[in-house]
């Protein structure tokens, strides 16, 4: 039972990791093009850099969670 939970948790974390990586790449490409990612009303560079920083922090958090789950 615990193995099934652990496997599903790891799959979910890997999906989150890929999702945050895609958001990071999209924000980086839009920053280079000069287009805002979401169009929230902020300048495009402020918005995209904020999304990039939050994506990096989220990727680090997900990797830490994966390591924590693997070492239990």
N, C-alpha and C. Protein backbone atom coordinates (compact mmCIF):
# COMPACT_ATOMS: atom_id res chain seq x y z
N UNK A 1 0.82 -1.20 0.00
CA UNK A 1 0.00 0.00 0.00
C UNK A 1 0.86 1.25 0.00
N UNK A 2 1.90 1.25 0.81
CA UNK A 2 2.76 2.42 0.89
C UNK A 2 3.57 2.61 -0.39
N UNK A 3 3.93 1.50 -1.05
CA UNK A 3 4.67 1.60 -2.30
C UNK A 3 3.83 2.28 -3.38
N UNK A 4 2.53 1.96 -3.42
CA UNK A 4 1.64 2.56 -4.41
C UNK A 4 1.53 4.06 -4.16
N UNK A 5 1.38 4.45 -2.89
CA UNK A 5 1.30 5.87 -2.54
C UNK A 5 2.59 6.59 -2.92
N UNK A 6 3.72 5.97 -2.62
CA UNK A 6 5.01 6.59 -2.91
C UNK A 6 5.20 6.77 -4.42
N UNK A 7 4.80 5.75 -5.18
CA UNK A 7 4.94 5.83 -6.63
C UNK A 7 4.05 6.93 -7.22
N UNK A 8 2.80 7.01 -6.74
CA UNK A 8 1.89 8.04 -7.22
C UNK A 8 2.38 9.43 -6.84
N UNK A 9 2.93 9.56 -5.63
CA UNK A 9 3.48 10.84 -5.20
C UNK A 9 4.65 11.26 -6.08
N UNK A 10 5.53 10.32 -6.39
CA UNK A 10 6.67 10.63 -7.25
C UNK A 10 6.23 11.01 -8.66
N UNK A 11 5.22 10.33 -9.17
CA UNK A 11 4.70 10.67 -10.50
C UNK A 11 4.13 12.08 -10.49
N UNK A 12 3.37 12.41 -9.45
CA UNK A 12 2.81 13.76 -9.34
C UNK A 12 3.89 14.82 -9.23
N UNK A 13 4.93 14.54 -8.45
CA UNK A 13 6.03 15.49 -8.31
C UNK A 13 6.79 15.67 -9.62
N UNK A 14 6.96 14.59 -10.37
CA UNK A 14 7.63 14.70 -11.67
C UNK A 14 6.80 15.52 -12.66
N UNK A 15 5.48 15.35 -12.61
CA UNK A 15 4.61 16.15 -13.47
C UNK A 15 4.74 17.63 -13.11
N UNK A 16 4.76 17.93 -11.81
CA UNK A 16 4.95 19.32 -11.37
C UNK A 16 6.29 19.87 -11.83
N UNK A 17 7.32 19.04 -11.76
CA UNK A 17 8.65 19.47 -12.18
C UNK A 17 8.66 19.84 -13.66
N UNK A 18 8.05 19.02 -14.49
CA UNK A 18 7.97 19.31 -15.92
C UNK A 18 7.13 20.56 -16.17
N UNK A 19 6.04 20.71 -15.44
CA UNK A 19 5.18 21.88 -15.61
C UNK A 19 5.92 23.17 -15.27
N UNK A 20 6.64 23.19 -14.14
CA UNK A 20 7.39 24.38 -13.77
C UNK A 20 8.53 24.66 -14.76
N UNK A 21 9.13 23.61 -15.30
CA UNK A 21 10.19 23.80 -16.29
C UNK A 21 9.61 24.42 -17.57
N UNK A 22 8.43 23.97 -17.98
CA UNK A 22 7.80 24.55 -19.17
C UNK A 22 7.43 26.02 -18.95
N UNK A 23 6.91 26.34 -17.78
CA UNK A 23 6.58 27.73 -17.47
C UNK A 23 7.84 28.58 -17.48
N UNK A 24 8.94 28.05 -16.93
CA UNK A 24 10.22 28.75 -16.93
C UNK A 24 10.67 29.04 -18.35
N UNK A 25 10.60 28.04 -19.22
CA UNK A 25 11.04 28.21 -20.61
C UNK A 25 10.16 29.22 -21.34
N UNK A 26 8.85 29.13 -21.14
CA UNK A 26 7.94 30.09 -21.79
C UNK A 26 8.21 31.52 -21.32
N UNK A 27 8.44 31.70 -20.03
CA UNK A 27 8.73 33.05 -19.52
C UNK A 27 10.05 33.56 -20.06
N UNK A 28 11.04 32.69 -20.18
CA UNK A 28 12.34 33.10 -20.70
C UNK A 28 12.24 33.50 -22.18
N UNK A 29 11.50 32.72 -22.95
CA UNK A 29 11.32 33.04 -24.37
C UNK A 29 10.54 34.35 -24.52
N UNK A 30 9.49 34.52 -23.74
CA UNK A 30 8.71 35.76 -23.82
C UNK A 30 9.51 36.96 -23.34
N UNK A 31 10.41 36.77 -22.39
CA UNK A 31 11.27 37.87 -21.95
C UNK A 31 12.19 38.32 -23.08
N UNK A 32 12.73 37.37 -23.83
CA UNK A 32 13.60 37.70 -24.95
C UNK A 32 12.82 38.36 -26.09
N UNK A 33 11.56 37.97 -26.26
CA UNK A 33 10.74 38.56 -27.32
C UNK A 33 10.14 39.90 -26.92
N UNK A 34 10.11 40.19 -25.62
CA UNK A 34 9.54 41.44 -25.14
C UNK A 34 8.03 41.40 -25.00
N UNK A 35 7.50 40.22 -24.71
CA UNK A 35 6.06 40.02 -24.58
C UNK A 35 5.78 39.50 -23.16
N UNK A 36 4.74 40.02 -22.49
CA UNK A 36 4.42 39.48 -21.16
C UNK A 36 3.82 38.07 -21.27
N UNK A 37 4.11 37.24 -20.29
CA UNK A 37 3.61 35.87 -20.30
C UNK A 37 2.11 35.82 -20.03
N UNK A 38 1.64 36.55 -19.02
CA UNK A 38 0.24 36.51 -18.64
C UNK A 38 -0.52 37.79 -18.95
N UNK A 39 0.15 38.91 -19.04
CA UNK A 39 -0.52 40.17 -19.31
C UNK A 39 -1.28 40.69 -18.10
N UNK A 40 -0.62 40.76 -16.96
CA UNK A 40 -1.27 41.20 -15.72
C UNK A 40 -1.30 42.71 -15.56
N UNK A 41 -0.67 43.44 -16.44
CA UNK A 41 -0.63 44.89 -16.33
C UNK A 41 0.73 45.41 -15.91
N UNK A 42 1.60 44.52 -15.45
CA UNK A 42 2.97 44.91 -15.13
C UNK A 42 3.78 45.02 -16.42
N UNK A 43 4.94 45.64 -16.32
CA UNK A 43 5.84 45.65 -17.49
C UNK A 43 6.23 44.21 -17.80
N UNK A 44 6.47 43.94 -19.08
CA UNK A 44 6.76 42.57 -19.49
C UNK A 44 7.99 42.01 -18.80
N UNK A 45 9.03 42.84 -18.59
CA UNK A 45 10.26 42.32 -17.99
C UNK A 45 10.06 42.00 -16.51
N UNK A 46 9.33 42.84 -15.80
CA UNK A 46 9.06 42.58 -14.37
C UNK A 46 8.24 41.31 -14.22
N UNK A 47 7.22 41.18 -15.04
CA UNK A 47 6.34 40.01 -14.95
C UNK A 47 7.09 38.73 -15.29
N UNK A 48 7.84 38.73 -16.37
CA UNK A 48 8.53 37.52 -16.79
C UNK A 48 9.66 37.14 -15.84
N UNK A 49 10.40 38.12 -15.33
CA UNK A 49 11.46 37.82 -14.37
C UNK A 49 10.86 37.26 -13.08
N UNK A 50 9.73 37.80 -12.65
CA UNK A 50 9.06 37.28 -11.46
C UNK A 50 8.63 35.83 -11.68
N UNK A 51 8.08 35.53 -12.83
CA UNK A 51 7.66 34.16 -13.14
C UNK A 51 8.88 33.25 -13.21
N UNK A 52 9.98 33.71 -13.78
CA UNK A 52 11.20 32.91 -13.86
C UNK A 52 11.73 32.60 -12.46
N UNK A 53 11.79 33.61 -11.59
CA UNK A 53 12.29 33.39 -10.23
C UNK A 53 11.40 32.43 -9.47
N UNK A 54 10.08 32.62 -9.56
CA UNK A 54 9.17 31.72 -8.87
C UNK A 54 9.24 30.30 -9.43
N UNK A 55 9.46 30.16 -10.72
CA UNK A 55 9.59 28.84 -11.32
C UNK A 55 10.85 28.14 -10.83
N UNK A 56 11.95 28.87 -10.74
CA UNK A 56 13.19 28.28 -10.24
C UNK A 56 13.02 27.84 -8.79
N UNK A 57 12.41 28.70 -7.97
CA UNK A 57 12.18 28.33 -6.58
C UNK A 57 11.27 27.10 -6.47
N UNK A 58 10.27 27.02 -7.32
CA UNK A 58 9.37 25.87 -7.31
C UNK A 58 10.07 24.61 -7.76
N UNK A 59 10.93 24.71 -8.75
CA UNK A 59 11.69 23.55 -9.21
C UNK A 59 12.59 23.04 -8.10
N UNK A 60 13.26 23.95 -7.39
CA UNK A 60 14.12 23.55 -6.27
C UNK A 60 13.29 22.86 -5.19
N UNK A 61 12.12 23.41 -4.88
CA UNK A 61 11.25 22.82 -3.86
C UNK A 61 10.79 21.43 -4.26
N UNK A 62 10.41 21.24 -5.51
CA UNK A 62 9.96 19.92 -5.97
C UNK A 62 11.11 18.92 -5.92
N UNK A 63 12.31 19.34 -6.31
CA UNK A 63 13.47 18.44 -6.25
C UNK A 63 13.76 18.05 -4.81
N UNK A 64 13.65 19.00 -3.88
CA UNK A 64 13.85 18.68 -2.46
C UNK A 64 12.81 17.68 -1.97
N UNK A 65 11.57 17.83 -2.41
CA UNK A 65 10.52 16.90 -2.01
C UNK A 65 10.76 15.51 -2.59
N UNK A 66 11.22 15.44 -3.83
CA UNK A 66 11.53 14.14 -4.44
C UNK A 66 12.65 13.46 -3.67
N UNK A 67 13.68 14.20 -3.31
CA UNK A 67 14.78 13.63 -2.53
C UNK A 67 14.28 13.15 -1.18
N UNK A 68 13.41 13.95 -0.54
CA UNK A 68 12.88 13.57 0.77
C UNK A 68 12.06 12.28 0.68
N UNK A 69 11.24 12.15 -0.37
CA UNK A 69 10.42 10.95 -0.54
C UNK A 69 11.30 9.74 -0.82
N UNK A 70 12.33 9.91 -1.62
CA UNK A 70 13.21 8.79 -1.97
C UNK A 70 14.02 8.27 -0.78
N UNK A 71 14.31 9.14 0.18
CA UNK A 71 15.15 8.73 1.30
C UNK A 71 14.34 8.29 2.52
N UNK A 72 13.07 8.05 2.35
CA UNK A 72 12.24 7.56 3.46
C UNK A 72 12.18 6.07 3.46
